[in-house]
Amino acid sequence: MRRILMGTAWCHDLPVQYYLLAEAREDETEVYGIGVEYAGERLEIPNITPLQYRIQKLAQMLIRGLVTPTTLHDVTEDWLLT
């Protein structure tokens, strides 16, 4: 799995880093997920979508909203339902 840094935001003088996760499938396509790191905590949610532009939109939203690993699951779940 590849991890590509999508951006960094700051929360309480500590960086929050957002990663696009790309995983190759057996059929040579890719599926994408998201990862967030903050204050020694790291959470990754793989396999969210096969569409790169959608995961990029999610990453931009997470950065703007300063989402941390603590709320990543809830925010991602809400995003998937919209």
PDB file of N, CA and C in Angstrom:
ATOM      1  N   MET A   1       0.851  -1.176   0.000  1.00  0.00           N
ATOM      2  CA  MET A   1       0.000   0.000   0.000  1.00  0.00           C
ATOM      3  C   MET A   1       0.894   1.236   0.000  1.00  0.00           C
ATOM      4  N   ARG A   2       0.544   2.162  -0.875  1.00  0.00           N
ATOM      5  CA  ARG A   2       1.272   3.444  -0.922  1.00  0.00           C
ATOM      6  C   ARG A   2       0.558   4.459  -0.047  1.00  0.00           C
ATOM      7  N   ARG A   3       1.353   5.301   0.604  1.00  0.00           N
ATOM      8  CA  ARG A   3       0.814   6.411   1.405  1.00  0.00           C
ATOM      9  C   ARG A   3       1.339   7.703   0.792  1.00  0.00           C
ATOM     10  N   ILE A   4       0.431   8.574   0.380  1.00  0.00           N
ATOM     11  CA  ILE A   4       0.804   9.821  -0.266  1.00  0.00           C
ATOM     12  C   ILE A   4       0.285  10.968   0.580  1.00  0.00           C
ATOM     13  N   LEU A   5       1.190  11.819   1.043  1.00  0.00           N
ATOM     14  CA  LEU A   5       0.798  12.964   1.874  1.00  0.00           C
ATOM     15  C   LEU A   5      -0.039  13.929   1.045  1.00  0.00           C
ATOM     16  N   MET A   6      -1.252  14.208   1.520  1.00  0.00           N
ATOM     17  CA  MET A   6      -2.166  15.111   0.827  1.00  0.00           C
ATOM     18  C   MET A   6      -2.165  16.515   1.410  1.00  0.00           C
ATOM     19  N   GLY A   7      -1.766  16.626   2.669  1.00  0.00           N
ATOM     20  CA  GLY A   7      -1.738  17.944   3.283  1.00  0.00           C
ATOM     21  C   GLY A   7      -1.514  17.866   4.775  1.00  0.00           C
ATOM     22  N   THR A   8      -1.248  19.036   5.348  1.00  0.00           N
ATOM     23  CA  THR A   8      -1.015  19.157   6.780  1.00  0.00           C
ATOM     24  C   THR A   8      -1.798  20.350   7.296  1.00  0.00           C
ATOM     25  N   ALA A   9      -2.433  20.167   8.429  1.00  0.00           N
ATOM     26  CA  ALA A   9      -3.123  21.259   9.135  1.00  0.00           C
ATOM     27  C   ALA A   9      -2.540  21.296  10.545  1.00  0.00           C
ATOM     28  N   TRP A  10      -2.836  22.344  11.279  1.00  0.00           N
ATOM     29  CA  TRP A  10      -2.257  22.496  12.621  1.00  0.00           C
ATOM     30  C   TRP A  10      -3.355  22.572  13.668  1.00  0.00           C
ATOM     31  N   CYS A  11      -3.175  21.807  14.729  1.00  0.00           N
ATOM     32  CA  CYS A  11      -4.123  21.777  15.838  1.00  0.00           C
ATOM     33  C   CYS A  11      -3.328  21.843  17.136  1.00  0.00           C
ATOM     34  N   HIS A  12      -3.527  22.871  17.924  1.00  0.00           N
ATOM     35  CA  HIS A  12      -2.797  23.046  19.182  1.00  0.00           C
ATOM     36  C   HIS A  12      -1.290  22.960  18.970  1.00  0.00           C
ATOM     37  N   ASP A  13      -0.803  23.645  17.928  1.00  0.00           N
ATOM     38  CA  ASP A  13       0.621  23.704  17.578  1.00  0.00           C
ATOM     39  C   ASP A  13       1.225  22.360  17.189  1.00  0.00           C
ATOM     40  N   LEU A  14       0.409  21.368  16.891  1.00  0.00           N
ATOM     41  CA  LEU A  14       0.888  20.062  16.422  1.00  0.00           C
ATOM     42  C   LEU A  14       0.335  19.805  15.018  1.00  0.00           C
ATOM     43  N   PRO A  15       1.130  19.182  14.150  1.00  0.00           N
ATOM     44  CA  PRO A  15       0.651  18.921  12.793  1.00  0.00           C
ATOM     45  C   PRO A  15      -0.333  17.754  12.750  1.00  0.00           C
ATOM     46  N   VAL A  16      -1.336  17.914  11.919  1.00  0.00           N
ATOM     47  CA  VAL A  16      -2.251  16.828  11.588  1.00  0.00           C
ATOM     48  C   VAL A  16      -1.969  16.526  10.123  1.00  0.00           C
ATOM     49  N   GLN A  17      -1.540  15.291   9.836  1.00  0.00           N
ATOM     50  CA  GLN A  17      -1.160  14.939   8.473  1.00  0.00           C
ATOM     51  C   GLN A  17      -2.202  14.000   7.863  1.00  0.00           C
ATOM     52  N   TYR A  18      -2.515  14.265   6.609  1.00  0.00           N
ATOM     53  CA  TYR A  18      -3.552  13.539   5.888  1.00  0.00           C
ATOM     54  C   TYR A  18      -2.930  12.802   4.709  1.00  0.00           C
ATOM     55  N   TYR A  19      -3.229  11.520   4.603  1.00  0.00           N
ATOM     56  CA  TYR A  19      -2.633  10.668   3.581  1.00  0.00           C
ATOM     57  C   TYR A  19      -3.686  10.018   2.709  1.00  0.00           C
ATOM     58  N   LEU A  20      -3.410   9.963   1.420  1.00  0.00           N
ATOM     59  CA  LEU A  20      -4.175   9.151   0.503  1.00  0.00           C
ATOM     60  C   LEU A  20      -3.521   7.775   0.521  1.00  0.00           C
ATOM     61  N   LEU A  21      -4.313   6.735   0.673  1.00  0.00           N
ATOM     62  CA  LEU A  21      -3.818   5.364   0.651  1.00  0.00           C
ATOM     63  C   LEU A  21      -4.222   4.742  -0.678  1.00  0.00           C
ATOM     64  N   ALA A  22      -3.265   4.174  -1.379  1.00  0.00           N
ATOM     65  CA  ALA A  22      -3.543   3.538  -2.669  1.00  0.00           C
ATOM     66  C   ALA A  22      -3.086   2.086  -2.602  1.00  0.00           C
ATOM     67  N   GLU A  23      -4.006   1.190  -2.911  1.00  0.00           N
ATOM     68  CA  GLU A  23      -3.689  -0.230  -2.864  1.00  0.00           C
ATOM     69  C   GLU A  23      -4.040  -0.869  -4.208  1.00  0.00           C
ATOM     70  N   ALA A  24      -3.083  -1.579  -4.789  1.00  0.00           N
ATOM     71  CA  ALA A  24      -3.297  -2.246  -6.069  1.00  0.00           C
ATOM     72  C   ALA A  24      -4.105  -3.512  -5.856  1.00  0.00           C
ATOM     73  N   ARG A  25      -5.020  -3.743  -6.774  1.00  0.00           N
ATOM     74  CA  ARG A  25      -5.817  -4.972  -6.778  1.00  0.00           C
ATOM     75  C   ARG A  25      -5.186  -5.961  -7.743  1.00  0.00           C
ATOM     76  N   GLU A  26      -5.658  -7.184  -7.687  1.00  0.00           N
ATOM     77  CA  GLU A  26      -5.139  -8.220  -8.583  1.00  0.00           C
ATOM     78  C   GLU A  26      -5.416  -7.916 -10.051  1.00  0.00           C
ATOM     79  N   ASP A  27      -6.506  -7.193 -10.337  1.00  0.00           N
ATOM     80  CA  ASP A  27      -6.845  -6.860 -11.723  1.00  0.00           C
ATOM     81  C   ASP A  27      -6.124  -5.603 -12.214  1.00  0.00           C
ATOM     82  N   GLU A  28      -5.113  -5.152 -11.467  1.00  0.00           N
ATOM     83  CA  GLU A  28      -4.254  -4.013 -11.799  1.00  0.00           C
ATOM     84  C   GLU A  28      -4.951  -2.661 -11.671  1.00  0.00           C
ATOM     85  N   THR A  29      -6.123  -2.622 -11.069  1.00  0.00           N
ATOM     86  CA  THR A  29      -6.743  -1.347 -10.732  1.00  0.00           C
ATOM     87  C   THR A  29      -6.332  -0.986  -9.306  1.00  0.00           C
ATOM     88  N   GLU A  30      -6.710   0.205  -8.877  1.00  0.00           N
ATOM     89  CA  GLU A  30      -6.389   0.614  -7.511  1.00  0.00           C
ATOM     90  C   GLU A  30      -7.654   0.963  -6.760  1.00  0.00           C
ATOM     91  N   VAL A  31      -7.582   0.825  -5.452  1.00  0.00           N
ATOM     92  CA  VAL A  31      -8.650   1.247  -4.561  1.00  0.00           C
ATOM     93  C   VAL A  31      -8.009   2.197  -3.556  1.00  0.00           C
ATOM     94  N   TYR A  32      -8.777   3.205  -3.129  1.00  0.00           N
ATOM     95  CA  TYR A  32      -8.202   4.281  -2.321  1.00  0.00           C
ATOM     96  C   TYR A  32      -8.841   4.382  -0.946  1.00  0.00           C
ATOM     97  N   GLY A  33      -8.029   4.812  -0.017  1.00  0.00           N
ATOM     98  CA  GLY A  33      -8.469   5.046   1.343  1.00  0.00           C
ATOM     99  C   GLY A  33      -7.826   6.312   1.873  1.00  0.00           C
ATOM    100  N   ILE A  34      -7.985   6.537   3.165  1.00  0.00           N
ATOM    101  CA  ILE A  34      -7.488   7.764   3.788  1.00  0.00           C
ATOM    102  C   ILE A  34      -6.807   7.427   5.105  1.00  0.00           C
ATOM    103  N   GLY A  35      -5.797   8.195   5.462  1.00  0.00           N
ATOM    104  CA  GLY A  35      -5.120   8.035   6.735  1.00  0.00           C
ATOM    105  C   GLY A  35      -4.892   9.390   7.377  1.00  0.00           C
ATOM    106  N   VAL A  36      -4.945   9.435   8.711  1.00  0.00           N
ATOM    107  CA  VAL A  36      -4.728  10.678   9.453  1.00  0.00           C
ATOM    108  C   VAL A  36      -3.793  10.378  10.626  1.00  0.00           C
ATOM    109  N   GLU A  37      -2.815  11.275  10.831  1.00  0.00           N
ATOM    110  CA  GLU A  37      -1.888  11.162  11.962  1.00  0.00           C
ATOM    111  C   GLU A  37      -1.896  12.468  12.752  1.00  0.00           C
ATOM    112  N   TYR A  38      -1.951  12.322  14.084  1.00  0.00           N
ATOM    113  CA  TYR A  38      -1.941  13.507  14.956  1.00  0.00           C
ATOM    114  C   TYR A  38      -1.481  13.099  16.346  1.00  0.00           C
ATOM    115  N   ALA A  39      -0.511  13.793  16.860  1.00  0.00           N
ATOM    116  CA  ALA A  39      -0.028  13.629  18.245  1.00  0.00           C
ATOM    117  C   ALA A  39       0.271  12.166  18.582  1.00  0.00           C
ATOM    118  N   GLY A  40       0.932  11.481  17.679  1.00  0.00           N
ATOM    119  CA  GLY A  40       1.301  10.095  17.924  1.00  0.00           C
ATOM    120  C   GLY A  40       0.195   9.091  17.649  1.00  0.00           C
ATOM    121  N   GLU A  41      -0.975   9.566  17.291  1.00  0.00           N
ATOM    122  CA  GLU A  41      -2.108   8.686  16.982  1.00  0.00           C
ATOM    123  C   GLU A  41      -2.255   8.597  15.463  1.00  0.00           C
ATOM    124  N   ARG A  42      -2.519   7.409  14.980  1.00  0.00           N
ATOM    125  CA  ARG A  42      -2.640   7.191  13.534  1.00  0.00           C
ATOM    126  C   ARG A  42      -3.825   6.267  13.266  1.00  0.00           C
ATOM    127  N   LEU A  43      -4.641   6.668  12.292  1.00  0.00           N
ATOM    128  CA  LEU A  43      -5.771   5.841  11.899  1.00  0.00           C
ATOM    129  C   LEU A  43      -5.837   5.810  10.377  1.00  0.00           C
ATOM    130  N   GLU A  44      -6.003   4.623   9.829  1.00  0.00           N
ATOM    131  CA  GLU A  44      -6.139   4.460   8.390  1.00  0.00           C
ATOM    132  C   GLU A  44      -7.438   3.720   8.087  1.00  0.00           C
ATOM    133  N   ILE A  45      -8.124   4.198   7.056  1.00  0.00           N
ATOM    134  CA  ILE A  45      -9.326   3.530   6.573  1.00  0.00           C
ATOM    135  C   ILE A  45      -9.069   3.198   5.102  1.00  0.00           C
ATOM    136  N   PRO A  46      -8.714   1.957   4.812  1.00  0.00           N
ATOM    137  CA  PRO A  46      -8.456   1.572   3.419  1.00  0.00           C
ATOM    138  C   PRO A  46      -9.760   1.246   2.689  1.00  0.00           C
ATOM    139  N   ASN A  47      -9.647   1.057   1.387  1.00  0.00           N
ATOM    140  CA  ASN A  47     -10.759   0.515   0.590  1.00  0.00           C
ATOM    141  C   ASN A  47     -12.033   1.347   0.629  1.00  0.00           C
ATOM    142  N   ILE A  48     -11.930   2.649   0.543  1.00  0.00           N
ATOM    143  CA  ILE A  48     -13.129   3.487   0.587  1.00  0.00           C
ATOM    144  C   ILE A  48     -13.771   3.612  -0.787  1.00  0.00           C
ATOM    145  N   THR A  49     -12.948   3.809  -1.830  1.00  0.00           N
ATOM    146  CA  THR A  49     -13.487   4.024  -3.173  1.00  0.00           C
ATOM    147  C   THR A  49     -12.453   3.651  -4.233  1.00  0.00           C
ATOM    148  N   PRO A  50     -12.923   3.237  -5.407  1.00  0.00           N
ATOM    149  CA  PRO A  50     -11.993   3.001  -6.511  1.00  0.00           C
ATOM    150  C   PRO A  50     -11.736   4.275  -7.330  1.00  0.00           C
ATOM    151  N   LEU A  51     -12.361   5.381  -6.940  1.00  0.00           N
ATOM    152  CA  LEU A  51     -12.257   6.637  -7.685  1.00  0.00           C
ATOM    153  C   LEU A  51     -11.309   7.606  -6.979  1.00  0.00           C
ATOM    154  N   GLN A  52     -10.182   7.880  -7.614  1.00  0.00           N
ATOM    155  CA  GLN A  52      -9.173   8.739  -6.997  1.00  0.00           C
ATOM    156  C   GLN A  52      -9.698  10.151  -6.731  1.00  0.00           C
ATOM    157  N   TYR A  53     -10.475  10.715  -7.635  1.00  0.00           N
ATOM    158  CA  TYR A  53     -10.963  12.072  -7.430  1.00  0.00           C
ATOM    159  C   TYR A  53     -11.862  12.158  -6.194  1.00  0.00           C
ATOM    160  N   ARG A  54     -12.601  11.088  -5.890  1.00  0.00           N
ATOM    161  CA  ARG A  54     -13.473  11.105  -4.695  1.00  0.00           C
ATOM    162  C   ARG A  54     -12.661  11.115  -3.414  1.00  0.00           C
ATOM    163  N   ILE A  55     -11.584  10.327  -3.363  1.00  0.00           N
ATOM    164  CA  ILE A  55     -10.775  10.293  -2.149  1.00  0.00           C
ATOM    165  C   ILE A  55     -10.019  11.606  -1.995  1.00  0.00           C
ATOM    166  N   GLN A  56      -9.664  12.235  -3.101  1.00  0.00           N
ATOM    167  CA  GLN A  56      -9.019  13.546  -3.027  1.00  0.00           C
ATOM    168  C   GLN A  56      -9.990  14.587  -2.464  1.00  0.00           C
ATOM    169  N   LYS A  57     -11.257  14.520  -2.867  1.00  0.00           N
ATOM    170  CA  LYS A  57     -12.268  15.431  -2.318  1.00  0.00           C
ATOM    171  C   LYS A  57     -12.454  15.197  -0.825  1.00  0.00           C
ATOM    172  N   LEU A  58     -12.478  13.933  -0.418  1.00  0.00           N
ATOM    173  CA  LEU A  58     -12.590  13.614   1.009  1.00  0.00           C
ATOM    174  C   LEU A  58     -11.391  14.164   1.770  1.00  0.00           C
ATOM    175  N   ALA A  59     -10.196  13.972   1.247  1.00  0.00           N
ATOM    176  CA  ALA A  59      -8.991  14.474   1.918  1.00  0.00           C
ATOM    177  C   ALA A  59      -9.054  15.996   2.078  1.00  0.00           C
ATOM    178  N   GLN A  60      -9.480  16.702   1.049  1.00  0.00           N
ATOM    179  CA  GLN A  60      -9.596  18.160   1.132  1.00  0.00           C
ATOM    180  C   GLN A  60     -10.598  18.573   2.211  1.00  0.00           C
ATOM    181  N   MET A  61     -11.706  17.861   2.290  1.00  0.00           N
ATOM    182  CA  MET A  61     -12.712  18.157   3.303  1.00  0.00           C
ATOM    183  C   MET A  61     -12.159  17.904   4.707  1.00  0.00           C
ATOM    184  N   LEU A  62     -11.424  16.800   4.879  1.00  0.00           N
ATOM    185  CA  LEU A  62     -10.845  16.487   6.189  1.00  0.00           C
ATOM    186  C   LEU A  62      -9.836  17.551   6.618  1.00  0.00           C
ATOM    187  N   ILE A  63      -9.034  18.019   5.675  1.00  0.00           N
ATOM    188  CA  ILE A  63      -8.042  19.054   5.978  1.00  0.00           C
ATOM    189  C   ILE A  63      -8.739  20.347   6.388  1.00  0.00           C
ATOM    190  N   ARG A  64      -9.724  20.768   5.604  1.00  0.00           N
ATOM    191  CA  ARG A  64     -10.464  22.005   5.922  1.00  0.00           C
ATOM    192  C   ARG A  64     -11.143  21.905   7.284  1.00  0.00           C
ATOM    193  N   GLY A  65     -11.681  20.733   7.607  1.00  0.00           N
ATOM    194  CA  GLY A  65     -12.395  20.538   8.864  1.00  0.00           C
ATOM    195  C   GLY A  65     -11.503  20.175  10.036  1.00  0.00           C
ATOM    196  N   LEU A  66     -10.199  20.059   9.791  1.00  0.00           N
ATOM    197  CA  LEU A  66      -9.224  19.715  10.830  1.00  0.00           C
ATOM    198  C   LEU A  66      -9.638  18.443  11.578  1.00  0.00           C
ATOM    199  N   VAL A  67     -10.000  17.426  10.798  1.00  0.00           N
ATOM    200  CA  VAL A  67     -10.431  16.149  11.359  1.00  0.00           C
ATOM    201  C   VAL A  67      -9.214  15.397  11.889  1.00  0.00           C
ATOM    202  N   THR A  68      -9.330  14.866  13.085  1.00  0.00           N
ATOM    203  CA  THR A  68      -8.255  14.096  13.716  1.00  0.00           C
ATOM    204  C   THR A  68      -8.612  12.602  13.676  1.00  0.00           C
ATOM    205  N   PRO A  69      -7.681  11.730  14.029  1.00  0.00           N
ATOM    206  CA  PRO A  69      -7.988  10.297  14.042  1.00  0.00           C
ATOM    207  C   PRO A  69      -9.192   9.945  14.916  1.00  0.00           C
ATOM    208  N   THR A  70      -9.433  10.728  15.948  1.00  0.00           N
ATOM    209  CA  THR A  70     -10.538  10.446  16.864  1.00  0.00           C
ATOM    210  C   THR A  70     -11.899  10.481  16.163  1.00  0.00           C
ATOM    211  N   THR A  71     -12.066  11.386  15.213  1.00  0.00           N
ATOM    212  CA  THR A  71     -13.365  11.535  14.551  1.00  0.00           C
ATOM    213  C   THR A  71     -13.366  11.069  13.096  1.00  0.00           C
ATOM    214  N   LEU A  72     -12.258  10.524  12.633  1.00  0.00           N
ATOM    215  CA  LEU A  72     -12.139  10.139  11.227  1.00  0.00           C
ATOM    216  C   LEU A  72     -13.214   9.143  10.796  1.00  0.00           C
ATOM    217  N   HIS A  73     -13.476   8.114  11.585  1.00  0.00           N
ATOM    218  CA  HIS A  73     -14.498   7.130  11.204  1.00  0.00           C
ATOM    219  C   HIS A  73     -15.871   7.768  11.019  1.00  0.00           C
ATOM    220  N   ASP A  74     -16.277   8.588  11.981  1.00  0.00           N
ATOM    221  CA  ASP A  74     -17.602   9.210  11.914  1.00  0.00           C
ATOM    222  C   ASP A  74     -17.736  10.127  10.710  1.00  0.00           C
ATOM    223  N   VAL A  75     -16.732  10.957  10.481  1.00  0.00           N
ATOM    224  CA  VAL A  75     -16.788  11.897   9.362  1.00  0.00           C
ATOM    225  C   VAL A  75     -16.793  11.144   8.039  1.00  0.00           C
ATOM    226  N   THR A  76     -15.974  10.110   7.916  1.00  0.00           N
ATOM    227  CA  THR A  76     -15.915   9.327   6.686  1.00  0.00           C
ATOM    228  C   THR A  76     -17.228   8.597   6.429  1.00  0.00           C
ATOM    229  N   GLU A  77     -17.814   8.051   7.475  1.00  0.00           N
ATOM    230  CA  GLU A  77     -19.095   7.378   7.338  1.00  0.00           C
ATOM    231  C   GLU A  77     -20.179   8.350   6.859  1.00  0.00           C
ATOM    232  N   ASP A  78     -20.230   9.540   7.459  1.00  0.00           N
ATOM    233  CA  ASP A  78     -21.198  10.545   7.024  1.00  0.00           C
ATOM    234  C   ASP A  78     -20.967  10.929   5.570  1.00  0.00           C
ATOM    235  N   TRP A  79     -19.714  11.090   5.178  1.00  0.00           N
ATOM    236  CA  TRP A  79     -19.376  11.461   3.802  1.00  0.00           C
ATOM    237  C   TRP A  79     -19.835  10.385   2.819  1.00  0.00           C
ATOM    238  N   LEU A  80     -19.663   9.125   3.188  1.00  0.00           N
ATOM    239  CA  LEU A  80     -20.074   8.035   2.317  1.00  0.00           C
ATOM    240  C   LEU A  80     -21.592   7.996   2.118  1.00  0.00           C
ATOM    241  N   LEU A  81     -22.326   8.469   3.102  1.00  0.00           N
ATOM    242  CA  LEU A  81     -23.788   8.439   3.030  1.00  0.00           C
ATOM    243  C   LEU A  81     -24.376   9.621   2.251  1.00  0.00           C
ATOM    244  N   THR A  82     -23.518  10.564   1.858  1.00  0.00           N
ATOM    245  CA  THR A  82     -24.027  11.726   1.114  1.00  0.00           C
ATOM    246  C   THR A  82     -23.866  11.560  -0.371  1.00  0.00           C
TER     247      THR A  82
END
